[in-house]
Amino acid sequence: MMHTADLLKVFAEHRGDAIVISGRGGRHWIDISDTMLDIPLGDPAMGGHSGFGLGLALARPDRRVVLFDSEGDLLMSLGQLPTIAEQAPANFYHFVLDNEVYATTGGQPVPNAKQVDYAGIARASGYPRAIGFSVLGDFSRELPNILAAPGPVLVALKVWPEVENTPIGQRVRWRKRTADKVVSDLRAALGTGG
């Protein structure tokens, strides 16, 4: 298994000018990058990250769109996988952080977590490419090839759980920008107005 912060640091070296939806990796990603092309969505979007990423990729085919999803989010919206595969956005890179638990709600185990093959589910849904990693060195070595080829691609990443037991209303806020500011910044960066 890998640490989320470590794999995000590896990704940052190859990011280029991609739009990054940091999803469940958001609280680590903001310490690595906080540009106008970063979209720090987290808990309020549970289950909706992949649909948002697909929409953004379709709206901006000129930009690589990278999503750091989680297996919990993906399980809530498995219907997104065949939709993404059918739409086939060549600029969409779907990374799934699989820690085998629902970490943001106290660490309850994901059903059948040790047996579920998210890359296999993506391939069966029609993704042309899907691969999984549990070792940082393997991920680091293959990441440039993954990003050099067209999407859509799903990359399942086994990561250590970071369980949050503090009640949601009492958690320390990790976002540096409000949602309105994120949208305004992205529009400005993409030249679509404020």
C-alpha atoms as a PDB file:
ATOM      1  CA  MET A   1       0.000   0.000   0.000  1.00  0.00           C
ATOM      2  CA  MET A   2       1.020   3.598  -0.584  1.00  0.00           C
ATOM      3  CA  HIS A   3       0.616   6.829   1.339  1.00  0.00           C
ATOM      4  CA  THR A   4      -1.671   9.254  -0.492  1.00  0.00           C
ATOM      5  CA  ALA A   5       0.661  12.209   0.063  1.00  0.00           C
ATOM      6  CA  ASP A   6       3.581  10.274  -1.463  1.00  0.00           C
ATOM      7  CA  LEU A   7       1.753   9.293  -4.635  1.00  0.00           C
ATOM      8  CA  LEU A   8       0.433  12.848  -5.061  1.00  0.00           C
ATOM      9  CA  LYS A   9       4.002  14.164  -4.871  1.00  0.00           C
ATOM     10  CA  VAL A  10       4.955  11.734  -7.641  1.00  0.00           C
ATOM     11  CA  PHE A  11       1.977  12.860  -9.707  1.00  0.00           C
ATOM     12  CA  ALA A  12       2.861  16.552  -9.201  1.00  0.00           C
ATOM     13  CA  GLU A  13       6.134  15.988 -11.072  1.00  0.00           C
ATOM     14  CA  HIS A  14       4.150  14.984 -14.190  1.00  0.00           C
ATOM     15  CA  ARG A  15       1.063  17.187 -13.821  1.00  0.00           C
ATOM     16  CA  GLY A  16       1.880  19.751 -16.505  1.00  0.00           C
ATOM     17  CA  ASP A  17      -1.041  22.133 -17.049  1.00  0.00           C
ATOM     18  CA  ALA A  18      -3.757  19.607 -16.184  1.00  0.00           C
ATOM     19  CA  ILE A  19      -6.889  20.588 -14.308  1.00  0.00           C
ATOM     20  CA  VAL A  20      -6.716  18.577 -11.073  1.00  0.00           C
ATOM     21  CA  ILE A  21      -9.816  17.608  -9.120  1.00  0.00           C
ATOM     22  CA  SER A  22      -8.145  16.516  -5.911  1.00  0.00           C
ATOM     23  CA  GLY A  23     -11.157  14.759  -4.375  1.00  0.00           C
ATOM     24  CA  ARG A  24     -10.165  12.576  -1.434  1.00  0.00           C
ATOM     25  CA  GLY A  25      -6.538  13.588  -1.864  1.00  0.00           C
ATOM     26  CA  GLY A  26      -7.418  17.239  -1.401  1.00  0.00           C
ATOM     27  CA  ARG A  27      -6.063  17.801   2.076  1.00  0.00           C
ATOM     28  CA  HIS A  28      -2.654  16.570   0.891  1.00  0.00           C
ATOM     29  CA  TRP A  29      -2.814  18.156  -2.557  1.00  0.00           C
ATOM     30  CA  ILE A  30      -3.207  21.707  -1.209  1.00  0.00           C
ATOM     31  CA  ASP A  31       0.204  21.360   0.452  1.00  0.00           C
ATOM     32  CA  ILE A  32       1.689  20.311  -2.902  1.00  0.00           C
ATOM     33  CA  SER A  33      -0.218  22.606  -5.261  1.00  0.00           C
ATOM     34  CA  ASP A  34      -2.805  25.342  -4.937  1.00  0.00           C
ATOM     35  CA  THR A  35      -3.136  26.892  -8.380  1.00  0.00           C
ATOM     36  CA  MET A  36      -6.107  28.250 -10.252  1.00  0.00           C
ATOM     37  CA  LEU A  37      -6.283  24.872 -12.062  1.00  0.00           C
ATOM     38  CA  ASP A  38      -6.779  22.952  -8.802  1.00  0.00           C
ATOM     39  CA  ILE A  39     -10.327  22.064  -7.834  1.00  0.00           C
ATOM     40  CA  PRO A  40     -10.325  21.004  -4.173  1.00  0.00           C
ATOM     41  CA  LEU A  41     -13.580  19.079  -3.928  1.00  0.00           C
ATOM     42  CA  GLY A  42     -13.915  16.873  -0.881  1.00  0.00           C
ATOM     43  CA  ASP A  43     -16.595  15.531   1.402  1.00  0.00           C
ATOM     44  CA  PRO A  44     -19.547  17.614   0.126  1.00  0.00           C
ATOM     45  CA  ALA A  45     -19.282  15.916  -3.272  1.00  0.00           C
ATOM     46  CA  MET A  46     -19.377  12.275  -2.090  1.00  0.00           C
ATOM     47  CA  GLY A  47     -20.216  10.111  -5.066  1.00  0.00           C
ATOM     48  CA  GLY A  48     -20.226  13.004  -7.505  1.00  0.00           C
ATOM     49  CA  HIS A  49     -16.566  13.421  -8.365  1.00  0.00           C
ATOM     50  CA  SER A  50     -16.534  11.198 -11.456  1.00  0.00           C
ATOM     51  CA  GLY A  51     -19.579  12.852 -13.018  1.00  0.00           C
ATOM     52  CA  PHE A  52     -18.107  16.281 -12.374  1.00  0.00           C
ATOM     53  CA  GLY A  53     -14.773  15.189 -13.857  1.00  0.00           C
ATOM     54  CA  LEU A  54     -16.474  13.751 -16.924  1.00  0.00           C
ATOM     55  CA  GLY A  55     -18.434  16.950 -17.486  1.00  0.00           C
ATOM     56  CA  LEU A  56     -15.334  19.080 -17.187  1.00  0.00           C
ATOM     57  CA  ALA A  57     -13.358  16.805 -19.534  1.00  0.00           C
ATOM     58  CA  LEU A  58     -16.128  16.972 -22.144  1.00  0.00           C
ATOM     59  CA  ALA A  59     -16.434  20.744 -21.791  1.00  0.00           C
ATOM     60  CA  ARG A  60     -12.682  21.285 -22.126  1.00  0.00           C
ATOM     61  CA  PRO A  61     -11.278  18.642 -24.505  1.00  0.00           C
ATOM     62  CA  ASP A  62      -8.217  20.864 -24.961  1.00  0.00           C
ATOM     63  CA  ARG A  63      -7.155  20.259 -21.321  1.00  0.00           C
ATOM     64  CA  ARG A  64      -6.113  17.123 -19.476  1.00  0.00           C
ATOM     65  CA  VAL A  65      -8.512  16.570 -16.559  1.00  0.00           C
ATOM     66  CA  VAL A  66      -7.222  14.484 -13.661  1.00  0.00           C
ATOM     67  CA  LEU A  67      -9.503  13.215 -10.904  1.00  0.00           C
ATOM     68  CA  PHE A  68      -8.434  11.690  -7.595  1.00  0.00           C
ATOM     69  CA  ASP A  69     -11.569   9.753  -6.646  1.00  0.00           C
ATOM     70  CA  SER A  70     -12.041   7.165  -3.888  1.00  0.00           C
ATOM     71  CA  GLU A  71     -13.469   3.683  -3.910  1.00  0.00           C
ATOM     72  CA  GLY A  72     -16.273   4.842  -1.601  1.00  0.00           C
ATOM     73  CA  ASP A  73     -17.220   7.601  -4.033  1.00  0.00           C
ATOM     74  CA  LEU A  74     -16.987   5.206  -6.954  1.00  0.00           C
ATOM     75  CA  LEU A  75     -19.184   2.599  -5.261  1.00  0.00           C
ATOM     76  CA  MET A  76     -21.865   5.253  -4.741  1.00  0.00           C
ATOM     77  CA  SER A  77     -21.927   5.965  -8.472  1.00  0.00           C
ATOM     78  CA  LEU A  78     -20.769   2.886 -10.395  1.00  0.00           C
ATOM     79  CA  GLY A  79     -23.097   3.901 -13.214  1.00  0.00           C
ATOM     80  CA  GLN A  80     -20.610   6.635 -14.048  1.00  0.00           C
ATOM     81  CA  LEU A  81     -18.064   4.107 -15.347  1.00  0.00           C
ATOM     82  CA  PRO A  82     -20.024   2.943 -18.411  1.00  0.00           C
ATOM     83  CA  THR A  83     -21.073   6.545 -19.061  1.00  0.00           C
ATOM     84  CA  ILE A  84     -17.440   7.703 -19.011  1.00  0.00           C
ATOM     85  CA  ALA A  85     -16.451   4.771 -21.224  1.00  0.00           C
ATOM     86  CA  GLU A  86     -19.211   5.560 -23.721  1.00  0.00           C
ATOM     87  CA  GLN A  87     -18.327   9.255 -23.885  1.00  0.00           C
ATOM     88  CA  ALA A  88     -14.619   8.290 -24.125  1.00  0.00           C
ATOM     89  CA  PRO A  89     -12.981  11.632 -23.255  1.00  0.00           C
ATOM     90  CA  ALA A  90      -9.381  11.237 -24.374  1.00  0.00           C
ATOM     91  CA  ASN A  91      -8.337  13.885 -21.838  1.00  0.00           C
ATOM     92  CA  PHE A  92      -9.771  12.169 -18.714  1.00  0.00           C
ATOM     93  CA  TYR A  93      -7.480  10.449 -16.183  1.00  0.00           C
ATOM     94  CA  HIS A  94      -9.393   8.803 -13.341  1.00  0.00           C
ATOM     95  CA  PHE A  95      -7.298   7.836 -10.304  1.00  0.00           C
ATOM     96  CA  VAL A  96      -9.086   5.901  -7.542  1.00  0.00           C
ATOM     97  CA  LEU A  97      -7.642   6.038  -4.014  1.00  0.00           C
ATOM     98  CA  ASP A  98      -8.637   2.694  -2.489  1.00  0.00           C
ATOM     99  CA  ASN A  99      -8.050   2.528   1.274  1.00  0.00           C
ATOM    100  CA  GLU A 100     -10.651  -0.232   1.841  1.00  0.00           C
ATOM    101  CA  VAL A 101     -12.616   1.855   4.384  1.00  0.00           C
ATOM    102  CA  TYR A 102     -15.003   4.779   4.515  1.00  0.00           C
ATOM    103  CA  ALA A 103     -12.331   6.977   6.112  1.00  0.00           C
ATOM    104  CA  THR A 104     -14.301  10.230   6.247  1.00  0.00           C
ATOM    105  CA  THR A 105     -17.112   8.667   8.277  1.00  0.00           C
ATOM    106  CA  GLY A 106     -15.060   6.821  10.877  1.00  0.00           C
ATOM    107  CA  GLY A 107     -13.355   3.941   9.075  1.00  0.00           C
ATOM    108  CA  GLN A 108     -16.170   1.475   8.460  1.00  0.00           C
ATOM    109  CA  PRO A 109     -14.927  -1.274   6.111  1.00  0.00           C
ATOM    110  CA  VAL A 110     -15.924  -1.127   2.465  1.00  0.00           C
ATOM    111  CA  PRO A 111     -17.831  -4.355   1.665  1.00  0.00           C
ATOM    112  CA  ASN A 112     -15.608  -7.076   0.184  1.00  0.00           C
ATOM    113  CA  ALA A 113     -12.764  -4.524   0.054  1.00  0.00           C
ATOM    114  CA  LYS A 114      -9.957  -7.035  -0.382  1.00  0.00           C
ATOM    115  CA  GLN A 115     -11.626  -8.680  -3.387  1.00  0.00           C
ATOM    116  CA  VAL A 116     -12.985  -5.767  -5.436  1.00  0.00           C
ATOM    117  CA  ASP A 117     -10.945  -5.050  -8.564  1.00  0.00           C
ATOM    118  CA  TYR A 118     -11.767  -1.467  -9.563  1.00  0.00           C
ATOM    119  CA  ALA A 119      -9.540  -1.602 -12.645  1.00  0.00           C
ATOM    120  CA  GLY A 120     -11.371  -4.792 -13.682  1.00  0.00           C
ATOM    121  CA  ILE A 121     -14.751  -3.136 -13.176  1.00  0.00           C
ATOM    122  CA  ALA A 122     -13.601  -0.184 -15.305  1.00  0.00           C
ATOM    123  CA  ARG A 123     -12.414  -2.493 -18.111  1.00  0.00           C
ATOM    124  CA  ALA A 124     -15.696  -4.428 -17.959  1.00  0.00           C
ATOM    125  CA  SER A 125     -17.517  -1.066 -18.193  1.00  0.00           C
ATOM    126  CA  GLY A 126     -15.669  -0.226 -21.396  1.00  0.00           C
ATOM    127  CA  TYR A 127     -12.667   1.815 -20.269  1.00  0.00           C
ATOM    128  CA  PRO A 128      -9.985   1.183 -22.903  1.00  0.00           C
ATOM    129  CA  ARG A 129      -7.273   1.263 -20.240  1.00  0.00           C
ATOM    130  CA  ALA A 130      -7.367   0.428 -16.536  1.00  0.00           C
ATOM    131  CA  ILE A 131      -4.522  -0.596 -14.250  1.00  0.00           C
ATOM    132  CA  GLY A 132      -3.877  -0.966 -10.544  1.00  0.00           C
ATOM    133  CA  PHE A 133      -0.919  -0.262  -8.261  1.00  0.00           C
ATOM    134  CA  SER A 134      -0.094  -0.960  -4.638  1.00  0.00           C
ATOM    135  CA  VAL A 135       3.642  -0.114  -4.706  1.00  0.00           C
ATOM    136  CA  LEU A 136       4.831   3.484  -5.062  1.00  0.00           C
ATOM    137  CA  GLY A 137       7.877   2.569  -7.164  1.00  0.00           C
ATOM    138  CA  ASP A 138       5.722   0.774  -9.739  1.00  0.00           C
ATOM    139  CA  PHE A 139       3.287   3.685  -9.900  1.00  0.00           C
ATOM    140  CA  SER A 140       6.137   6.192 -10.218  1.00  0.00           C
ATOM    141  CA  ARG A 141       7.742   4.239 -13.050  1.00  0.00           C
ATOM    142  CA  GLU A 142       4.512   3.822 -15.063  1.00  0.00           C
ATOM    143  CA  LEU A 143       2.875   7.217 -14.468  1.00  0.00           C
ATOM    144  CA  PRO A 144       4.583   9.019 -17.388  1.00  0.00           C
ATOM    145  CA  ASN A 145       3.332   6.310 -19.779  1.00  0.00           C
ATOM    146  CA  ILE A 146      -0.179   6.499 -18.326  1.00  0.00           C
ATOM    147  CA  LEU A 147      -0.344  10.263 -18.822  1.00  0.00           C
ATOM    148  CA  ALA A 148       1.265  10.146 -22.281  1.00  0.00           C
ATOM    149  CA  ALA A 149      -1.474   7.905 -23.709  1.00  0.00           C
ATOM    150  CA  PRO A 150      -5.037   9.065 -24.343  1.00  0.00           C
ATOM    151  CA  GLY A 151      -7.805   8.476 -21.829  1.00  0.00           C
ATOM    152  CA  PRO A 152     -10.104   7.612 -20.507  1.00  0.00           C
ATOM    153  CA  VAL A 153      -8.037   5.568 -18.118  1.00  0.00           C
ATOM    154  CA  LEU A 154      -8.762   4.375 -14.599  1.00  0.00           C
ATOM    155  CA  VAL A 155      -5.834   3.870 -12.236  1.00  0.00           C
ATOM    156  CA  ALA A 156      -6.719   2.034  -9.008  1.00  0.00           C
ATOM    157  CA  LEU A 157      -4.302   2.881  -6.197  1.00  0.00           C
ATOM    158  CA  LYS A 158      -4.140   0.922  -2.922  1.00  0.00           C
ATOM    159  CA  VAL A 159      -3.466   3.465  -0.164  1.00  0.00           C
ATOM    160  CA  TRP A 160      -3.188   3.366   3.619  1.00  0.00           C
ATOM    161  CA  PRO A 161      -6.371   4.490   5.383  1.00  0.00           C
ATOM    162  CA  GLU A 162      -6.351   7.871   7.093  1.00  0.00           C
ATOM    163  CA  VAL A 163      -9.473   7.593   9.213  1.00  0.00           C
ATOM    164  CA  GLU A 164     -11.223  10.754  10.369  1.00  0.00           C
ATOM    165  CA  ASN A 165     -13.180  10.342  13.600  1.00  0.00           C
ATOM    166  CA  THR A 166     -13.789  13.993  14.439  1.00  0.00           C
ATOM    167  CA  PRO A 167     -17.445  14.931  13.811  1.00  0.00           C
ATOM    168  CA  ILE A 168     -17.796  16.658  10.439  1.00  0.00           C
ATOM    169  CA  GLY A 169     -18.859  20.008  11.912  1.00  0.00           C
ATOM    170  CA  GLN A 170     -15.788  20.062  14.193  1.00  0.00           C
ATOM    171  CA  ARG A 171     -13.125  19.179  11.617  1.00  0.00           C
ATOM    172  CA  VAL A 172     -10.343  21.573  10.755  1.00  0.00           C
ATOM    173  CA  ARG A 173     -11.007  23.063   7.336  1.00  0.00           C
ATOM    174  CA  TRP A 174      -8.196  22.233   4.920  1.00  0.00           C
ATOM    175  CA  ARG A 175      -9.360  24.241   1.919  1.00  0.00           C
ATOM    176  CA  LYS A 176      -7.590  27.540   1.381  1.00  0.00           C
ATOM    177  CA  ARG A 177     -10.212  28.950  -1.024  1.00  0.00           C
ATOM    178  CA  THR A 178     -13.987  29.089  -0.894  1.00  0.00           C
ATOM    179  CA  ALA A 179     -15.998  27.170  -3.500  1.00  0.00           C
ATOM    180  CA  ASP A 180     -16.922  30.472  -5.180  1.00  0.00           C
ATOM    181  CA  LYS A 181     -13.249  31.450  -5.370  1.00  0.00           C
ATOM    182  CA  VAL A 182     -12.310  28.037  -6.841  1.00  0.00           C
ATOM    183  CA  VAL A 183     -14.910  28.471  -9.609  1.00  0.00           C
ATOM    184  CA  SER A 184     -13.863  32.071 -10.265  1.00  0.00           C
ATOM    185  CA  ASP A 185     -10.168  31.099 -10.390  1.00  0.00           C
ATOM    186  CA  LEU A 186     -10.820  28.192 -12.768  1.00  0.00           C
ATOM    187  CA  ARG A 187     -12.879  30.380 -15.094  1.00  0.00           C
ATOM    188  CA  ALA A 188     -10.106  32.969 -15.147  1.00  0.00           C
ATOM    189  CA  ALA A 189      -7.424  30.332 -15.787  1.00  0.00           C
ATOM    190  CA  LEU A 190      -9.435  28.871 -18.669  1.00  0.00           C
ATOM    191  CA  GLY A 191     -10.359  32.267 -20.092  1.00  0.00           C
ATOM    192  CA  THR A 192     -14.097  31.728 -19.720  1.00  0.00           C
ATOM    193  CA  GLY A 193     -14.839  34.844 -17.687  1.00  0.00           C
ATOM    194  CA  GLY A 194     -15.354  35.410 -13.982  1.00  0.00           C
END
